[in-house]
Amino acid sequence: MLRGMSLAAYACLPAQSRGRRHAEPPAPTRDAFQRDRDRIVHSTAFRRLVYKTQVFLNHEGDLFRTRLTHSLEVAQLGRSIARALRINEDLVEAIALAHDLGHTPFGHAGQDALNDCMAGHGGFEHNLQSLRVVDALEHRYPQYDGLNLSFETREGILKHCSRANAERLEAAEPNGVARRFLDRTQPGLEAQLCNLADAIAYNAHDIDDGVRSGLISVEQLSEVELFERHRREALAEHPQLQGRRVLYETIRRMLSAQVYDVIDATRAALEALTPVDADAVRKAPPVVAFSGTMQAQSEDLKRFLFHNLYRHPQVTQTTDQARDVVRELFEAYLERSAEMPTSFAERDDRHRAVADYIAGMTDRFAVREHERLTGRRGIA
């Protein structure tokens, strides 16, 4: 929460939370969202993020981002913006730290492979899996499965949801976190902010990691307006800058420009909307956003990274191997369920149990398990 400044009326207030799925007495020293954040940080799924791929696989270098460092960067950006907008920093942090808990090993390649394996069995989507993690798959408390987080944190975690999945969730939890996907309403401002902070963070750190890897260059990035403008400004102000300091200063300025743009654009939207509370925000069109100019520049950067980094032959070669590892693991566990821990092997929903087990793996554990079960090392 804000220190020395009150939250705005349109913020999600912990005292007005819609509560938890399982009622609990309040904590004596923490509000509901602070408690959510602490439960996330102490969860097993959160620790595993340190060995889960962002873009580059865990073994490719010690300095590349992982899902854990990415989540920390999203939380930092989110808190900075939340403070300026007078919305709930603790809720933003909780959502940011939990938003990737359901990601598979090997990043989006692992997700795509697992989704293929689950065709005809409900599919697989990492965002929905993050909700499964905090609702069911963490086993830490004697009274219930999951972390029993507040409605508002769970609402923010469920960033995307197909109508079919929303209908399934709504049937299990009427008027719950999936209802907005059926009503076409919005989440609270804190959840909206985390969505945008996620994009700001990965665009910036993927530039850093891409240049560090040698797969993209500063010269290539000169065609991206958002990058090149800030690089020129950095060199004009500090002509002595060389090497990686040029890159770091450029990225720092890019981040600042995007943060200030979101703050200004969102403040203008809030002034026009004048929401009286958090629910008024939910009934309105999306509020947290870039200006039109910054949105176009951000999309241009995203396209550059897609074509030059994410689809680089060296990256795709590794991700192709990763997909094979996930598919072969899935087949092996489906045929030999006893190879999984008992808590997964004895479940009746066999395909989903295998998907849950694989999704929870770190990169290096998945590689070791694949080698143990197949006798081959799947990733060079």
Protein backbone atom coordinates (compact mmCIF):
# COMPACT_ATOMS: atom_id res chain seq x y z
CA MET A 1 0.00 0.00 0.00
CA LEU A 2 0.98 3.63 -0.35
CA ARG A 3 3.00 5.13 2.47
CA GLY A 4 2.00 8.68 3.37
CA MET A 5 -0.62 8.92 0.62
CA SER A 6 -4.12 7.46 0.55
CA LEU A 7 -5.28 5.11 -2.16
CA ALA A 8 -7.65 6.49 -4.77
CA ALA A 9 -11.34 5.58 -4.64
CA TYR A 10 -10.93 3.51 -7.81
CA ALA A 11 -8.15 1.35 -6.33
CA CYS A 12 -8.83 -2.18 -5.12
CA LEU A 13 -9.07 -1.77 -1.37
CA PRO A 14 -8.21 -4.80 0.79
CA ALA A 15 -11.03 -4.05 3.21
CA GLN A 16 -13.47 -4.32 0.29
CA SER A 17 -12.02 -7.52 -1.16
CA ARG A 18 -14.47 -10.14 -2.39
CA GLY A 19 -12.59 -12.53 -0.16
CA ARG A 20 -11.09 -16.00 -0.47
CA ARG A 21 -12.62 -19.26 -1.65
CA HIS A 22 -12.11 -20.63 1.87
CA ALA A 23 -12.88 -18.16 4.64
CA GLU A 24 -10.00 -17.30 6.96
CA PRO A 25 -9.60 -14.83 9.81
CA PRO A 26 -7.54 -11.76 8.85
CA ALA A 27 -3.84 -11.64 9.62
CA PRO A 28 -2.92 -9.35 12.52
CA THR A 29 -0.16 -7.39 10.73
CA ARG A 30 -0.92 -7.72 6.99
CA ASP A 31 -3.85 -6.88 4.79
CA ALA A 32 -5.34 -9.41 2.37
CA PHE A 33 -3.15 -8.51 -0.62
CA GLN A 34 0.08 -8.37 1.39
CA ARG A 35 -0.76 -11.84 2.66
CA ASP A 36 -1.34 -13.04 -0.92
CA ARG A 37 2.05 -11.72 -1.98
CA ASP A 38 3.78 -13.50 0.91
CA ARG A 39 2.06 -16.80 0.13
CA ILE A 40 3.17 -16.54 -3.50
CA VAL A 41 6.78 -15.79 -2.59
CA HIS A 42 6.92 -18.80 -0.25
CA SER A 43 5.31 -21.19 -2.75
CA THR A 44 7.16 -24.03 -4.46
CA ALA A 45 5.99 -22.87 -7.89
CA PHE A 46 7.58 -19.45 -7.34
CA ARG A 47 10.98 -20.96 -6.47
CA ARG A 48 10.87 -23.09 -9.61
CA LEU A 49 10.71 -19.97 -11.78
CA VAL A 50 14.43 -19.45 -11.24
CA TYR A 51 15.11 -22.41 -13.56
CA LYS A 52 12.38 -21.78 -16.14
CA THR A 53 13.06 -20.27 -19.56
CA GLN A 54 12.19 -16.73 -20.52
CA VAL A 55 13.76 -16.72 -24.04
CA PHE A 56 17.06 -18.54 -23.56
CA LEU A 57 17.16 -21.96 -21.94
CA ASN A 58 18.58 -22.21 -18.46
CA HIS A 59 21.85 -23.83 -19.51
CA GLU A 60 22.62 -21.22 -22.19
CA GLY A 61 23.97 -18.62 -19.79
CA ASP A 62 23.88 -17.47 -16.18
CA LEU A 63 23.01 -13.83 -16.94
CA PHE A 64 19.94 -14.31 -19.15
CA ARG A 65 16.52 -13.63 -17.64
CA THR A 66 14.50 -16.46 -16.23
CA ARG A 67 10.81 -16.49 -15.38
CA LEU A 68 11.75 -15.47 -11.84
CA THR A 69 13.83 -12.42 -12.75
CA HIS A 70 11.20 -11.44 -15.32
CA SER A 71 8.48 -11.60 -12.66
CA LEU A 72 10.56 -9.43 -10.32
CA GLU A 73 11.04 -6.84 -13.07
CA VAL A 74 7.29 -6.81 -13.78
CA ALA A 75 6.62 -6.30 -10.06
CA GLN A 76 9.10 -3.41 -9.86
CA LEU A 77 7.66 -1.62 -12.88
CA GLY A 78 4.12 -2.28 -11.71
CA ARG A 79 4.74 -0.89 -8.23
CA SER A 80 6.35 2.27 -9.62
CA ILE A 81 3.37 2.98 -11.85
CA ALA A 82 0.81 1.97 -9.21
CA ARG A 83 2.31 4.42 -6.73
CA ALA A 84 1.93 7.30 -9.18
CA LEU A 85 -1.68 6.33 -9.97
CA ARG A 86 -2.55 5.82 -6.28
CA ILE A 87 -3.70 2.25 -6.81
CA ASN A 88 -2.79 -0.75 -4.68
CA GLU A 89 0.93 -1.54 -4.93
CA ASP A 90 0.69 -4.72 -2.87
CA LEU A 91 -1.99 -6.18 -5.12
CA VAL A 92 0.03 -5.25 -8.21
CA GLU A 93 3.06 -6.97 -6.74
CA ALA A 94 1.11 -10.11 -5.85
CA ILE A 95 -0.33 -10.41 -9.37
CA ALA A 96 3.04 -9.71 -11.00
CA LEU A 97 4.87 -12.32 -8.93
CA ALA A 98 2.20 -14.95 -9.65
CA HIS A 99 1.39 -14.30 -13.30
CA ASP A 100 3.88 -16.88 -14.67
CA LEU A 101 3.59 -19.59 -12.00
CA GLY A 102 1.91 -21.91 -14.51
CA HIS A 103 4.50 -21.55 -17.24
CA THR A 104 6.01 -24.76 -18.53
CA PRO A 105 9.72 -25.51 -18.82
CA PHE A 106 11.24 -24.13 -22.04
CA GLY A 107 8.94 -21.12 -22.26
CA HIS A 108 6.36 -20.84 -25.00
CA ALA A 109 7.84 -23.83 -26.84
CA GLY A 110 6.94 -26.02 -23.86
CA GLN A 111 3.47 -24.54 -23.66
CA ASP A 112 2.82 -25.13 -27.37
CA ALA A 113 3.98 -28.73 -27.13
CA LEU A 114 1.87 -29.41 -24.05
CA ASN A 115 -1.15 -27.82 -25.70
CA ASP A 116 -0.70 -30.18 -28.67
CA CYS A 117 -0.44 -33.14 -26.31
CA MET A 118 -3.63 -32.08 -24.55
CA ALA A 119 -5.68 -31.68 -27.73
CA GLY A 120 -8.99 -33.38 -27.05
CA HIS A 121 -8.41 -33.17 -23.30
CA GLY A 122 -9.03 -29.48 -22.63
CA GLY A 123 -5.79 -28.14 -24.09
CA PHE A 124 -3.15 -26.29 -22.12
CA GLU A 125 -2.66 -22.57 -21.57
CA HIS A 126 -0.04 -21.26 -19.14
CA ASN A 127 -2.21 -18.40 -17.90
CA LEU A 128 -5.00 -20.76 -16.89
CA GLN A 129 -2.37 -23.05 -15.40
CA SER A 130 -1.15 -20.23 -13.16
CA LEU A 131 -4.64 -20.09 -11.68
CA ARG A 132 -4.63 -23.89 -11.26
CA VAL A 133 -1.35 -23.62 -9.37
CA VAL A 134 -2.64 -21.11 -6.83
CA ASP A 135 -6.09 -22.73 -6.59
CA ALA A 136 -5.22 -26.42 -6.46
CA LEU A 137 -1.68 -27.59 -7.20
CA GLU A 138 0.21 -26.01 -4.32
CA HIS A 139 -0.10 -28.26 -1.26
CA ARG A 140 1.07 -26.20 1.70
CA TYR A 141 -1.86 -25.85 4.06
CA PRO A 142 -3.84 -28.42 6.08
CA GLN A 143 -7.29 -26.93 5.41
CA TYR A 144 -7.29 -26.72 1.59
CA ASP A 145 -5.36 -27.22 -1.63
CA GLY A 146 -3.80 -24.20 -3.28
CA LEU A 147 -2.81 -20.88 -1.72
CA ASN A 148 -6.36 -19.63 -1.11
CA LEU A 149 -5.63 -16.20 -2.55
CA SER A 150 -8.00 -13.24 -2.63
CA PHE A 151 -10.45 -12.86 -5.49
CA GLU A 152 -8.67 -9.74 -6.77
CA THR A 153 -5.27 -11.46 -6.99
CA ARG A 154 -6.79 -14.46 -8.76
CA GLU A 155 -8.66 -12.12 -11.11
CA GLY A 156 -5.35 -10.53 -12.10
CA ILE A 157 -3.61 -13.87 -12.58
CA LEU A 158 -6.25 -14.97 -15.10
CA LYS A 159 -5.09 -12.57 -17.79
CA HIS A 160 -6.57 -14.45 -20.78
CA CYS A 161 -9.31 -17.06 -20.99
CA SER A 162 -11.17 -18.63 -23.90
CA ARG A 163 -14.94 -18.71 -23.72
CA ALA A 164 -14.94 -22.49 -23.34
CA ASN A 165 -12.52 -22.32 -20.41
CA ALA A 166 -14.45 -19.40 -18.92
CA GLU A 167 -17.66 -21.41 -19.03
CA ARG A 168 -15.96 -24.34 -17.28
CA LEU A 169 -14.55 -22.07 -14.59
CA GLU A 170 -17.88 -20.28 -14.16
CA ALA A 171 -19.68 -23.58 -13.68
CA ALA A 172 -17.28 -24.52 -10.89
CA GLU A 173 -17.21 -21.02 -9.37
CA PRO A 174 -20.38 -19.05 -10.22
CA ASN A 175 -19.78 -15.32 -10.52
CA GLY A 176 -16.09 -15.98 -10.01
CA VAL A 177 -12.90 -14.86 -11.69
CA ALA A 178 -13.95 -16.09 -15.15
CA ARG A 179 -17.27 -14.21 -15.19
CA ARG A 180 -15.77 -11.12 -16.81
CA PHE A 181 -14.77 -13.10 -19.90
CA LEU A 182 -18.42 -13.98 -20.40
CA ASP A 183 -19.74 -10.51 -19.53
CA ARG A 184 -16.93 -8.76 -21.48
CA THR A 185 -16.08 -6.57 -18.51
CA GLN A 186 -12.60 -5.61 -17.27
CA PRO A 187 -10.52 -6.56 -14.24
CA GLY A 188 -9.46 -3.95 -11.69
CA LEU A 189 -6.83 -1.34 -12.49
CA GLU A 190 -4.14 -3.33 -10.71
CA ALA A 191 -4.69 -6.31 -13.01
CA GLN A 192 -4.80 -4.07 -16.08
CA LEU A 193 -1.52 -2.50 -14.99
CA CYS A 194 0.21 -5.86 -14.58
CA ASN A 195 -0.71 -6.81 -18.15
CA LEU A 196 1.03 -3.71 -19.47
CA ALA A 197 3.98 -3.90 -17.07
CA ASP A 198 4.54 -7.46 -18.33
CA ALA A 199 4.88 -6.22 -21.91
CA ILE A 200 7.13 -3.29 -20.94
CA ALA A 201 9.42 -5.61 -18.97
CA TYR A 202 9.87 -8.32 -21.56
CA ASN A 203 10.40 -5.92 -24.46
CA ALA A 204 13.21 -4.22 -22.53
CA HIS A 205 14.95 -7.27 -21.11
CA ASP A 206 14.65 -9.23 -24.35
CA ILE A 207 16.65 -6.45 -26.04
CA ASP A 208 19.30 -6.80 -23.34
CA ASP A 209 19.40 -10.60 -23.52
CA GLY A 210 19.25 -10.61 -27.31
CA VAL A 211 22.26 -8.31 -27.64
CA ARG A 212 24.12 -10.19 -24.89
CA SER A 213 23.56 -13.44 -26.80
CA GLY A 214 24.89 -11.95 -30.04
CA LEU A 215 21.70 -12.86 -31.91
CA ILE A 216 20.69 -9.23 -32.43
CA SER A 217 22.86 -6.12 -32.58
CA VAL A 218 22.58 -2.47 -31.64
CA GLU A 219 22.96 -1.72 -35.35
CA GLN A 220 19.88 -3.81 -36.14
CA LEU A 221 17.97 -2.09 -33.37
CA SER A 222 18.62 1.28 -34.99
CA GLU A 223 15.59 0.58 -37.23
CA VAL A 224 13.33 0.55 -34.14
CA GLU A 225 12.21 4.09 -33.42
CA LEU A 226 11.67 3.62 -29.67
CA PHE A 227 15.20 2.28 -29.23
CA GLU A 228 17.05 4.54 -31.65
CA ARG A 229 15.57 7.79 -30.33
CA HIS A 230 16.73 7.04 -26.81
CA ARG A 231 20.14 5.77 -27.95
CA ARG A 232 20.76 9.05 -29.78
CA GLU A 233 19.62 11.06 -26.78
CA ALA A 234 21.90 9.05 -24.48
CA LEU A 235 24.93 9.62 -26.73
CA ALA A 236 24.13 13.32 -27.16
CA GLU A 237 24.09 13.77 -23.40
CA HIS A 238 26.99 11.37 -22.68
CA PRO A 239 29.21 11.29 -25.80
CA GLN A 240 31.86 9.29 -23.92
CA LEU A 241 29.57 6.28 -23.49
CA GLN A 242 30.78 3.04 -25.08
CA GLY A 243 29.98 -0.65 -25.17
CA ARG A 244 27.26 -2.08 -22.97
CA ARG A 245 26.79 1.22 -21.13
CA VAL A 246 25.22 2.62 -24.28
CA LEU A 247 22.78 -0.28 -24.32
CA TYR A 248 21.98 -0.03 -20.61
CA GLU A 249 21.38 3.72 -20.76
CA THR A 250 19.21 3.36 -23.84
CA ILE A 251 17.06 0.68 -22.20
CA ARG A 252 16.82 2.74 -18.98
CA ARG A 253 15.53 5.73 -20.93
CA MET A 254 13.11 3.54 -22.89
CA LEU A 255 11.69 2.13 -19.69
CA SER A 256 11.30 5.59 -18.14
CA ALA A 257 9.58 6.94 -21.24
CA GLN A 258 7.10 4.05 -21.28
CA VAL A 259 6.40 4.31 -17.56
CA TYR A 260 5.71 8.05 -17.74
CA ASP A 261 3.60 7.55 -20.85
CA VAL A 262 1.40 4.95 -19.12
CA ILE A 263 1.00 7.21 -16.09
CA ASP A 264 0.00 10.22 -18.19
CA ALA A 265 -2.32 8.31 -20.52
CA THR A 266 -4.01 6.47 -17.66
CA ARG A 267 -4.46 9.62 -15.59
CA ALA A 268 -6.15 11.27 -18.58
CA ALA A 269 -8.45 8.26 -19.00
CA LEU A 270 -9.34 8.28 -15.31
CA GLU A 271 -10.12 12.00 -15.40
CA ALA A 272 -12.47 11.41 -18.30
CA LEU A 273 -14.10 8.37 -16.67
CA THR A 274 -14.20 9.65 -13.05
CA PRO A 275 -14.82 6.17 -11.57
CA VAL A 276 -16.22 6.24 -8.04
CA ASP A 277 -14.84 2.82 -7.08
CA ALA A 278 -13.08 -0.28 -8.39
CA ASP A 279 -16.28 -1.79 -9.73
CA ALA A 280 -16.89 1.27 -11.89
CA VAL A 281 -13.53 0.55 -13.54
CA ARG A 282 -14.59 -3.03 -14.24
CA LYS A 283 -17.67 -1.83 -16.13
CA ALA A 284 -15.71 0.63 -18.28
CA PRO A 285 -13.46 0.02 -21.32
CA PRO A 286 -9.78 -0.69 -20.53
CA VAL A 287 -8.23 2.23 -18.66
CA VAL A 288 -4.53 1.46 -18.15
CA ALA A 289 -2.86 1.98 -21.51
CA PHE A 290 -0.14 3.67 -23.54
CA SER A 291 -0.83 6.77 -25.55
CA GLY A 292 -1.53 6.04 -29.23
CA THR A 293 2.02 7.04 -30.23
CA MET A 294 3.72 4.89 -27.58
CA GLN A 295 1.43 1.95 -28.35
CA ALA A 296 2.53 2.06 -32.00
CA GLN A 297 6.20 2.26 -31.01
CA SER A 298 5.83 -0.62 -28.57
CA GLU A 299 4.19 -2.79 -31.21
CA ASP A 300 6.99 -1.93 -33.66
CA LEU A 301 9.56 -3.09 -31.11
CA LYS A 302 7.57 -6.26 -30.47
CA ARG A 303 7.51 -7.06 -34.19
CA PHE A 304 11.26 -6.51 -34.41
CA LEU A 305 11.92 -8.92 -31.54
CA PHE A 306 9.56 -11.52 -32.97
CA HIS A 307 11.25 -11.59 -36.38
CA ASN A 308 14.85 -11.08 -35.31
CA LEU A 309 15.12 -12.78 -31.91
CA TYR A 310 12.25 -15.16 -31.19
CA ARG A 311 12.41 -16.53 -34.76
CA HIS A 312 16.20 -16.51 -35.00
CA PRO A 313 17.41 -19.90 -36.35
CA GLN A 314 19.51 -20.52 -33.25
CA VAL A 315 16.52 -19.93 -30.98
CA THR A 316 14.11 -21.97 -33.07
CA GLN A 317 16.55 -24.89 -33.25
CA THR A 318 16.65 -25.05 -29.47
CA THR A 319 12.91 -24.57 -29.07
CA ASP A 320 12.24 -27.35 -31.58
CA GLN A 321 14.33 -29.67 -29.40
CA ALA A 322 12.44 -28.46 -26.33
CA ARG A 323 9.08 -29.27 -27.95
CA ASP A 324 10.30 -32.79 -28.66
CA VAL A 325 11.41 -33.21 -25.04
CA VAL A 326 7.98 -32.18 -23.73
CA ARG A 327 6.08 -34.39 -26.20
CA GLU A 328 8.23 -37.42 -25.42
CA LEU A 329 7.93 -36.83 -21.69
CA PHE A 330 4.16 -36.64 -22.05
CA GLU A 331 4.02 -39.91 -23.97
CA ALA A 332 6.33 -41.64 -21.50
CA TYR A 333 4.32 -40.61 -18.42
CA LEU A 334 1.04 -41.45 -20.12
CA GLU A 335 2.28 -44.98 -20.79
CA ARG A 336 4.12 -45.37 -17.47
CA SER A 337 2.29 -43.25 -14.93
CA ALA A 338 4.18 -44.94 -12.07
CA GLU A 339 7.24 -42.91 -13.15
CA MET A 340 5.48 -39.85 -11.73
CA PRO A 341 5.04 -39.11 -8.01
CA THR A 342 2.10 -40.89 -6.44
CA SER A 343 0.06 -37.69 -6.10
CA PHE A 344 0.00 -37.44 -9.91
CA ALA A 345 0.14 -41.12 -10.84
CA GLU A 346 -3.00 -42.03 -8.88
CA ARG A 347 -5.22 -39.29 -10.23
CA ASP A 348 -8.22 -40.24 -12.37
CA ASP A 349 -7.77 -37.37 -14.83
CA ARG A 350 -4.74 -39.04 -16.38
CA HIS A 351 -3.93 -36.61 -19.20
CA ARG A 352 -4.37 -33.52 -17.02
CA ALA A 353 -2.26 -35.10 -14.28
CA VAL A 354 0.61 -35.61 -16.75
CA ALA A 355 0.23 -32.03 -18.00
CA ASP A 356 0.25 -30.67 -14.44
CA TYR A 357 3.38 -32.64 -13.60
CA ILE A 358 5.31 -31.55 -16.69
CA ALA A 359 4.17 -27.94 -16.39
CA GLY A 360 5.63 -27.80 -12.90
CA MET A 361 9.08 -28.90 -14.02
CA THR A 362 12.11 -26.67 -14.33
CA ASP A 363 14.11 -26.78 -17.55
CA ARG A 364 16.92 -28.82 -16.11
CA PHE A 365 14.65 -31.31 -14.34
CA ALA A 366 12.73 -31.87 -17.56
CA VAL A 367 15.99 -32.52 -19.43
CA ARG A 368 17.13 -35.00 -16.75
CA GLU A 369 13.78 -36.79 -16.67
CA HIS A 370 13.71 -37.03 -20.46
CA GLU A 371 17.18 -38.56 -20.50
CA ARG A 372 16.24 -40.99 -17.70
CA LEU A 373 13.08 -42.15 -19.45
CA THR A 374 14.32 -42.24 -23.05
CA GLY A 375 18.05 -42.85 -22.68
CA ARG A 376 18.72 -39.81 -24.92
CA ARG A 377 19.69 -36.24 -24.19
CA GLY A 378 17.04 -34.20 -25.91
CA ILE A 379 18.68 -30.77 -25.79
CA ALA A 380 22.27 -30.28 -26.83
